[in-house]
Amino acid sequence: MAKKILAILLALIVLPAALSAAKPELEFSSKTFDFGTVRESSQPVETEFTMTNIGNEPVAILSASTSCGCSKAEYPQKPVAPGKTAKIKVKFNPASQHGEINREVKLRIKSAGGKSLRVPLKITGVVVP
């Protein structure tokens, strides 16, 4: 009986650690970018966020949704191998925008083991006439 209890306790300790290990492990050079002051009449401005896969299995960016039609995100369609980096390009179109901007790009990322993660990236700035 004591062996069964010990086995159950051990499983309760080891199983959560094993399950959480499959979660994507990522590192970003930055998760925010400030465009500063941008003229409403200027061309779209862009920045790149760098993501590094610091885990032990490939990860894939499944989607990148933006909080406004004024911004757009481009990301690699292929999985990112362990130790490799990926660039997420975010473009912002200042046309018809006024004042302070605070926009978000939500990345949905999944590991080869099936665990998913949502990562918010932010762009800020001020649009002037």
N, C-alpha and C. Protein backbone atom coordinates (compact mmCIF):
# COMPACT_ATOMS: atom_id res chain seq x y z
N MET A 1 0.82 -1.20 0.00
CA MET A 1 0.00 0.00 0.00
C MET A 1 0.87 1.27 0.00
N ALA A 2 1.92 1.26 0.80
CA ALA A 2 2.81 2.41 0.88
C ALA A 2 3.50 2.65 -0.46
N LYS A 3 3.83 1.58 -1.18
CA LYS A 3 4.48 1.71 -2.49
C LYS A 3 3.54 2.37 -3.49
N LYS A 4 2.24 2.03 -3.42
CA LYS A 4 1.26 2.63 -4.33
C LYS A 4 1.13 4.13 -4.06
N ILE A 5 1.08 4.50 -2.79
CA ILE A 5 0.97 5.91 -2.42
C ILE A 5 2.21 6.66 -2.88
N LEU A 6 3.38 6.07 -2.67
CA LEU A 6 4.62 6.69 -3.11
C LEU A 6 4.65 6.86 -4.63
N ALA A 7 4.19 5.84 -5.37
CA ALA A 7 4.14 5.92 -6.83
C ALA A 7 3.20 7.02 -7.29
N ILE A 8 2.05 7.15 -6.63
CA ILE A 8 1.08 8.19 -6.99
C ILE A 8 1.66 9.58 -6.71
N LEU A 9 2.28 9.74 -5.55
CA LEU A 9 2.89 11.03 -5.21
C LEU A 9 4.00 11.39 -6.19
N LEU A 10 4.81 10.43 -6.55
CA LEU A 10 5.88 10.67 -7.51
C LEU A 10 5.31 11.08 -8.86
N ALA A 11 4.25 10.41 -9.29
CA ALA A 11 3.61 10.75 -10.57
C ALA A 11 3.05 12.17 -10.53
N LEU A 12 2.48 12.57 -9.40
CA LEU A 12 1.92 13.91 -9.28
C LEU A 12 3.00 14.99 -9.32
N ILE A 13 4.20 14.64 -8.91
CA ILE A 13 5.31 15.59 -8.95
C ILE A 13 5.96 15.63 -10.33
N VAL A 14 6.18 14.48 -10.93
CA VAL A 14 6.90 14.39 -12.20
C VAL A 14 6.01 14.78 -13.39
N LEU A 15 4.76 14.38 -13.39
CA LEU A 15 3.88 14.63 -14.53
C LEU A 15 3.72 16.12 -14.85
N PRO A 16 3.40 16.99 -13.88
CA PRO A 16 3.29 18.42 -14.23
C PRO A 16 4.58 18.99 -14.79
N ALA A 17 5.72 18.59 -14.27
CA ALA A 17 7.00 19.09 -14.79
C ALA A 17 7.19 18.66 -16.23
N ALA A 18 6.83 17.42 -16.54
CA ALA A 18 6.98 16.92 -17.91
C ALA A 18 6.02 17.64 -18.86
N LEU A 19 4.81 17.91 -18.41
CA LEU A 19 3.84 18.59 -19.27
C LEU A 19 4.23 20.04 -19.51
N SER A 20 4.73 20.72 -18.49
CA SER A 20 5.09 22.12 -18.67
C SER A 20 6.35 22.28 -19.51
N ALA A 21 7.16 21.27 -19.60
CA ALA A 21 8.40 21.35 -20.39
C ALA A 21 8.11 21.50 -21.87
N ALA A 22 6.93 21.08 -22.32
CA ALA A 22 6.60 21.14 -23.74
C ALA A 22 6.12 22.53 -24.18
N LYS A 23 5.93 23.45 -23.24
CA LYS A 23 5.48 24.80 -23.57
C LYS A 23 6.58 25.52 -24.35
N PRO A 24 6.23 26.28 -25.36
CA PRO A 24 7.25 27.00 -26.13
C PRO A 24 8.10 27.89 -25.22
N GLU A 25 9.40 27.85 -25.44
CA GLU A 25 10.33 28.70 -24.69
C GLU A 25 10.93 29.70 -25.67
N LEU A 26 10.58 30.96 -25.47
CA LEU A 26 10.96 32.01 -26.42
C LEU A 26 11.61 33.18 -25.70
N GLU A 27 12.43 33.87 -26.45
CA GLU A 27 13.06 35.08 -25.94
C GLU A 27 12.91 36.15 -27.03
N PHE A 28 12.49 37.33 -26.63
CA PHE A 28 12.33 38.45 -27.57
C PHE A 28 13.35 39.53 -27.24
N SER A 29 13.94 40.12 -28.27
CA SER A 29 14.87 41.23 -28.04
C SER A 29 14.14 42.38 -27.37
N SER A 30 12.87 42.55 -27.72
CA SER A 30 11.98 43.54 -27.12
C SER A 30 10.55 43.16 -27.50
N LYS A 31 9.60 43.54 -26.68
CA LYS A 31 8.19 43.29 -27.01
C LYS A 31 7.44 44.59 -27.25
N THR A 32 8.17 45.71 -27.22
CA THR A 32 7.55 47.01 -27.49
C THR A 32 8.45 47.83 -28.41
N PHE A 33 7.81 48.71 -29.18
CA PHE A 33 8.57 49.62 -30.04
C PHE A 33 7.81 50.94 -30.12
N ASP A 34 8.54 52.04 -29.96
CA ASP A 34 7.96 53.37 -30.05
C ASP A 34 8.42 54.02 -31.35
N PHE A 35 7.46 54.31 -32.23
CA PHE A 35 7.77 54.96 -33.50
C PHE A 35 8.09 56.45 -33.32
N GLY A 36 7.84 56.97 -32.13
CA GLY A 36 8.06 58.40 -31.90
C GLY A 36 6.96 59.20 -32.57
N THR A 37 7.31 60.35 -33.14
CA THR A 37 6.34 61.21 -33.82
C THR A 37 6.34 60.89 -35.31
N VAL A 38 5.14 60.63 -35.83
CA VAL A 38 4.96 60.27 -37.24
C VAL A 38 3.92 61.20 -37.84
N ARG A 39 4.19 61.71 -39.02
CA ARG A 39 3.20 62.56 -39.70
C ARG A 39 2.10 61.69 -40.32
N GLU A 40 0.87 62.17 -40.20
CA GLU A 40 -0.28 61.45 -40.76
C GLU A 40 -0.13 61.24 -42.26
N SER A 41 0.53 62.18 -42.94
CA SER A 41 0.68 62.11 -44.40
C SER A 41 1.87 61.24 -44.83
N SER A 42 2.65 60.73 -43.89
CA SER A 42 3.84 59.95 -44.27
C SER A 42 3.47 58.54 -44.71
N GLN A 43 4.43 57.90 -45.30
CA GLN A 43 4.27 56.50 -45.72
C GLN A 43 4.20 55.62 -44.48
N PRO A 44 3.68 54.40 -44.62
CA PRO A 44 3.67 53.48 -43.47
C PRO A 44 5.09 53.29 -42.92
N VAL A 45 5.17 53.16 -41.60
CA VAL A 45 6.44 52.92 -40.92
C VAL A 45 6.44 51.47 -40.44
N GLU A 46 7.64 50.92 -40.26
CA GLU A 46 7.70 49.52 -39.84
C GLU A 46 8.85 49.27 -38.87
N THR A 47 8.73 48.19 -38.16
CA THR A 47 9.77 47.74 -37.25
C THR A 47 9.80 46.22 -37.27
N GLU A 48 10.86 45.64 -36.75
CA GLU A 48 10.98 44.19 -36.65
C GLU A 48 11.23 43.78 -35.21
N PHE A 49 10.51 42.76 -34.78
CA PHE A 49 10.74 42.14 -33.49
C PHE A 49 11.49 40.84 -33.74
N THR A 50 12.51 40.57 -32.94
CA THR A 50 13.28 39.34 -33.10
C THR A 50 12.92 38.36 -31.98
N MET A 51 12.53 37.16 -32.40
CA MET A 51 12.16 36.09 -31.48
C MET A 51 13.18 34.97 -31.60
N THR A 52 13.69 34.47 -30.48
CA THR A 52 14.62 33.35 -30.47
C THR A 52 13.97 32.16 -29.77
N ASN A 53 14.04 31.01 -30.40
CA ASN A 53 13.53 29.78 -29.81
C ASN A 53 14.62 29.23 -28.89
N ILE A 54 14.43 29.36 -27.58
CA ILE A 54 15.43 28.88 -26.62
C ILE A 54 15.02 27.52 -26.05
N GLY A 55 13.99 26.92 -26.62
CA GLY A 55 13.54 25.61 -26.16
C GLY A 55 14.25 24.48 -26.89
N ASN A 56 13.72 23.28 -26.70
CA ASN A 56 14.33 22.07 -27.27
C ASN A 56 13.56 21.50 -28.46
N GLU A 57 12.51 22.16 -28.87
CA GLU A 57 11.75 21.67 -30.03
C GLU A 57 11.29 22.84 -30.89
N PRO A 58 11.00 22.57 -32.16
CA PRO A 58 10.57 23.64 -33.06
C PRO A 58 9.27 24.30 -32.58
N VAL A 59 9.11 25.57 -32.91
CA VAL A 59 7.87 26.29 -32.64
C VAL A 59 7.39 26.94 -33.93
N ALA A 60 6.09 27.10 -34.03
CA ALA A 60 5.51 27.72 -35.22
C ALA A 60 4.61 28.88 -34.80
N ILE A 61 4.72 29.99 -35.52
CA ILE A 61 3.80 31.10 -35.31
C ILE A 61 2.57 30.77 -36.14
N LEU A 62 1.44 30.57 -35.46
CA LEU A 62 0.21 30.20 -36.15
C LEU A 62 -0.53 31.42 -36.68
N SER A 63 -0.49 32.53 -35.92
CA SER A 63 -1.18 33.73 -36.37
C SER A 63 -0.60 34.96 -35.67
N ALA A 64 -0.88 36.11 -36.26
CA ALA A 64 -0.50 37.39 -35.69
C ALA A 64 -1.66 38.35 -35.95
N SER A 65 -2.49 38.55 -34.94
CA SER A 65 -3.64 39.43 -35.11
C SER A 65 -3.33 40.81 -34.56
N THR A 66 -3.82 41.83 -35.26
CA THR A 66 -3.56 43.21 -34.87
C THR A 66 -4.81 43.83 -34.27
N SER A 67 -4.62 44.85 -33.45
CA SER A 67 -5.74 45.49 -32.77
C SER A 67 -6.42 46.56 -33.63
N CYS A 68 -5.89 46.79 -34.83
CA CYS A 68 -6.42 47.85 -35.68
C CYS A 68 -6.08 47.56 -37.14
N GLY A 69 -6.94 47.97 -38.05
CA GLY A 69 -6.65 47.81 -39.47
C GLY A 69 -5.50 48.67 -39.95
N CYS A 70 -5.03 49.56 -39.10
CA CYS A 70 -3.91 50.44 -39.45
C CYS A 70 -2.56 49.75 -39.29
N SER A 71 -2.56 48.57 -38.71
CA SER A 71 -1.30 47.85 -38.54
C SER A 71 -1.41 46.44 -39.11
N LYS A 72 -0.26 45.92 -39.51
CA LYS A 72 -0.21 44.61 -40.15
C LYS A 72 1.07 43.91 -39.71
N ALA A 73 0.99 42.61 -39.50
CA ALA A 73 2.18 41.86 -39.08
C ALA A 73 2.50 40.79 -40.11
N GLU A 74 3.78 40.62 -40.38
CA GLU A 74 4.27 39.55 -41.25
C GLU A 74 5.21 38.69 -40.43
N TYR A 75 5.06 37.37 -40.58
CA TYR A 75 5.87 36.45 -39.78
C TYR A 75 6.23 35.23 -40.62
N PRO A 76 7.27 34.49 -40.24
CA PRO A 76 7.68 33.33 -41.02
C PRO A 76 6.62 32.23 -40.96
N GLN A 77 6.40 31.58 -42.07
CA GLN A 77 5.40 30.51 -42.15
C GLN A 77 5.98 29.15 -41.75
N LYS A 78 7.30 29.05 -41.74
CA LYS A 78 7.96 27.79 -41.39
C LYS A 78 8.28 27.77 -39.90
N PRO A 79 8.30 26.56 -39.29
CA PRO A 79 8.67 26.46 -37.87
C PRO A 79 10.08 26.99 -37.62
N VAL A 80 10.28 27.48 -36.40
CA VAL A 80 11.57 28.01 -35.98
C VAL A 80 12.25 26.93 -35.14
N ALA A 81 13.40 26.47 -35.60
CA ALA A 81 14.13 25.39 -34.93
C ALA A 81 14.75 25.89 -33.62
N PRO A 82 15.04 24.97 -32.70
CA PRO A 82 15.70 25.36 -31.45
C PRO A 82 17.01 26.11 -31.73
N GLY A 83 17.21 27.21 -31.01
CA GLY A 83 18.42 28.01 -31.17
C GLY A 83 18.36 29.01 -32.31
N LYS A 84 17.34 28.95 -33.14
CA LYS A 84 17.22 29.86 -34.29
C LYS A 84 16.33 31.04 -33.95
N THR A 85 16.44 32.09 -34.79
CA THR A 85 15.64 33.29 -34.59
C THR A 85 14.66 33.49 -35.75
N ALA A 86 13.65 34.28 -35.48
CA ALA A 86 12.67 34.64 -36.50
C ALA A 86 12.39 36.13 -36.34
N LYS A 87 12.06 36.77 -37.46
CA LYS A 87 11.74 38.20 -37.46
C LYS A 87 10.24 38.36 -37.69
N ILE A 88 9.61 39.17 -36.85
CA ILE A 88 8.20 39.51 -37.02
C ILE A 88 8.18 40.98 -37.42
N LYS A 89 7.75 41.26 -38.65
CA LYS A 89 7.73 42.63 -39.15
C LYS A 89 6.34 43.22 -38.89
N VAL A 90 6.31 44.40 -38.29
CA VAL A 90 5.05 45.09 -38.01
C VAL A 90 5.06 46.43 -38.73
N LYS A 91 4.03 46.64 -39.54
CA LYS A 91 3.88 47.90 -40.28
C LYS A 91 2.70 48.68 -39.69
N PHE A 92 2.87 49.98 -39.62
CA PHE A 92 1.81 50.87 -39.14
C PHE A 92 1.58 51.95 -40.17
N ASN A 93 0.32 52.14 -40.57
CA ASN A 93 -0.06 53.16 -41.53
C ASN A 93 -0.69 54.33 -40.77
N PRO A 94 -0.03 55.50 -40.74
CA PRO A 94 -0.55 56.62 -39.95
C PRO A 94 -1.73 57.37 -40.59
N ALA A 95 -2.06 57.06 -41.84
CA ALA A 95 -3.17 57.76 -42.51
C ALA A 95 -4.45 57.61 -41.69
N SER A 96 -5.15 58.72 -41.50
CA SER A 96 -6.41 58.78 -40.76
C SER A 96 -6.27 58.46 -39.27
N GLN A 97 -5.07 58.48 -38.76
CA GLN A 97 -4.84 58.27 -37.33
C GLN A 97 -4.47 59.62 -36.72
N HIS A 98 -4.82 59.83 -35.47
CA HIS A 98 -4.55 61.11 -34.81
C HIS A 98 -4.12 60.88 -33.37
N GLY A 99 -3.11 61.62 -32.95
CA GLY A 99 -2.70 61.60 -31.56
C GLY A 99 -1.91 60.35 -31.18
N GLU A 100 -1.98 60.02 -29.89
CA GLU A 100 -1.23 58.88 -29.37
C GLU A 100 -1.77 57.58 -29.95
N ILE A 101 -0.84 56.69 -30.28
CA ILE A 101 -1.23 55.36 -30.73
C ILE A 101 -0.65 54.34 -29.76
N ASN A 102 -1.41 53.32 -29.51
CA ASN A 102 -0.99 52.23 -28.65
C ASN A 102 -1.65 50.97 -29.23
N ARG A 103 -0.94 50.29 -30.11
CA ARG A 103 -1.50 49.14 -30.81
C ARG A 103 -0.82 47.85 -30.35
N GLU A 104 -1.55 46.75 -30.53
CA GLU A 104 -1.02 45.47 -30.10
C GLU A 104 -1.10 44.45 -31.23
N VAL A 105 -0.09 43.61 -31.29
CA VAL A 105 -0.06 42.47 -32.20
C VAL A 105 0.01 41.23 -31.31
N LYS A 106 -0.96 40.35 -31.45
CA LYS A 106 -0.99 39.15 -30.62
C LYS A 106 -0.53 37.95 -31.44
N LEU A 107 0.61 37.40 -31.04
CA LEU A 107 1.14 36.21 -31.70
C LEU A 107 0.56 34.97 -31.03
N ARG A 108 0.16 34.01 -31.83
CA ARG A 108 -0.25 32.70 -31.32
C ARG A 108 0.81 31.72 -31.78
N ILE A 109 1.50 31.11 -30.82
CA ILE A 109 2.65 30.26 -31.11
C ILE A 109 2.40 28.87 -30.55
N LYS A 110 2.84 27.85 -31.30
CA LYS A 110 2.62 26.47 -30.87
C LYS A 110 3.92 25.68 -31.00
N SER A 111 4.19 24.85 -30.00
CA SER A 111 5.38 24.00 -30.04
C SER A 111 5.05 22.70 -30.77
N ALA A 112 6.09 21.97 -31.15
CA ALA A 112 5.90 20.69 -31.82
C ALA A 112 5.15 19.71 -30.91
N GLY A 113 5.28 19.90 -29.59
CA GLY A 113 4.59 19.04 -28.63
C GLY A 113 3.13 19.38 -28.44
N GLY A 114 2.66 20.44 -29.10
CA GLY A 114 1.24 20.77 -29.05
C GLY A 114 0.85 21.87 -28.07
N LYS A 115 1.77 22.33 -27.25
CA LYS A 115 1.44 23.40 -26.31
C LYS A 115 1.45 24.74 -27.04
N SER A 116 0.51 25.61 -26.66
CA SER A 116 0.46 26.91 -27.33
C SER A 116 0.68 28.04 -26.33
N LEU A 117 0.98 29.19 -26.89
CA LEU A 117 1.33 30.36 -26.10
C LEU A 117 0.88 31.59 -26.88
N ARG A 118 0.40 32.59 -26.18
CA ARG A 118 0.04 33.87 -26.80
C ARG A 118 1.02 34.93 -26.30
N VAL A 119 1.58 35.68 -27.25
CA VAL A 119 2.57 36.69 -26.90
C VAL A 119 2.12 38.03 -27.48
N PRO A 120 1.92 39.04 -26.64
CA PRO A 120 1.57 40.37 -27.15
C PRO A 120 2.82 41.20 -27.46
N LEU A 121 2.81 41.85 -28.61
CA LEU A 121 3.84 42.81 -28.99
C LEU A 121 3.14 44.16 -29.10
N LYS A 122 3.80 45.23 -28.71
CA LYS A 122 3.16 46.55 -28.71
C LYS A 122 3.95 47.56 -29.52
N ILE A 123 3.19 48.40 -30.23
CA ILE A 123 3.78 49.55 -30.92
C ILE A 123 3.09 50.80 -30.40
N THR A 124 3.87 51.84 -30.22
CA THR A 124 3.34 53.10 -29.72
C THR A 124 3.90 54.25 -30.56
N GLY A 125 3.37 55.42 -30.35
CA GLY A 125 3.85 56.61 -31.03
C GLY A 125 2.82 57.72 -30.97
N VAL A 126 3.11 58.79 -31.70
CA VAL A 126 2.19 59.93 -31.78
C VAL A 126 2.08 60.31 -33.25
N VAL A 127 0.84 60.39 -33.73
CA VAL A 127 0.59 60.80 -35.12
C VAL A 127 0.16 62.27 -35.10
N VAL A 128 0.89 63.09 -35.89
CA VAL A 128 0.59 64.52 -35.98
C VAL A 128 0.16 64.85 -37.40
N PRO A 129 -0.65 65.92 -37.55
CA PRO A 129 -1.11 66.31 -38.91
C PRO A 129 0.02 66.72 -39.81
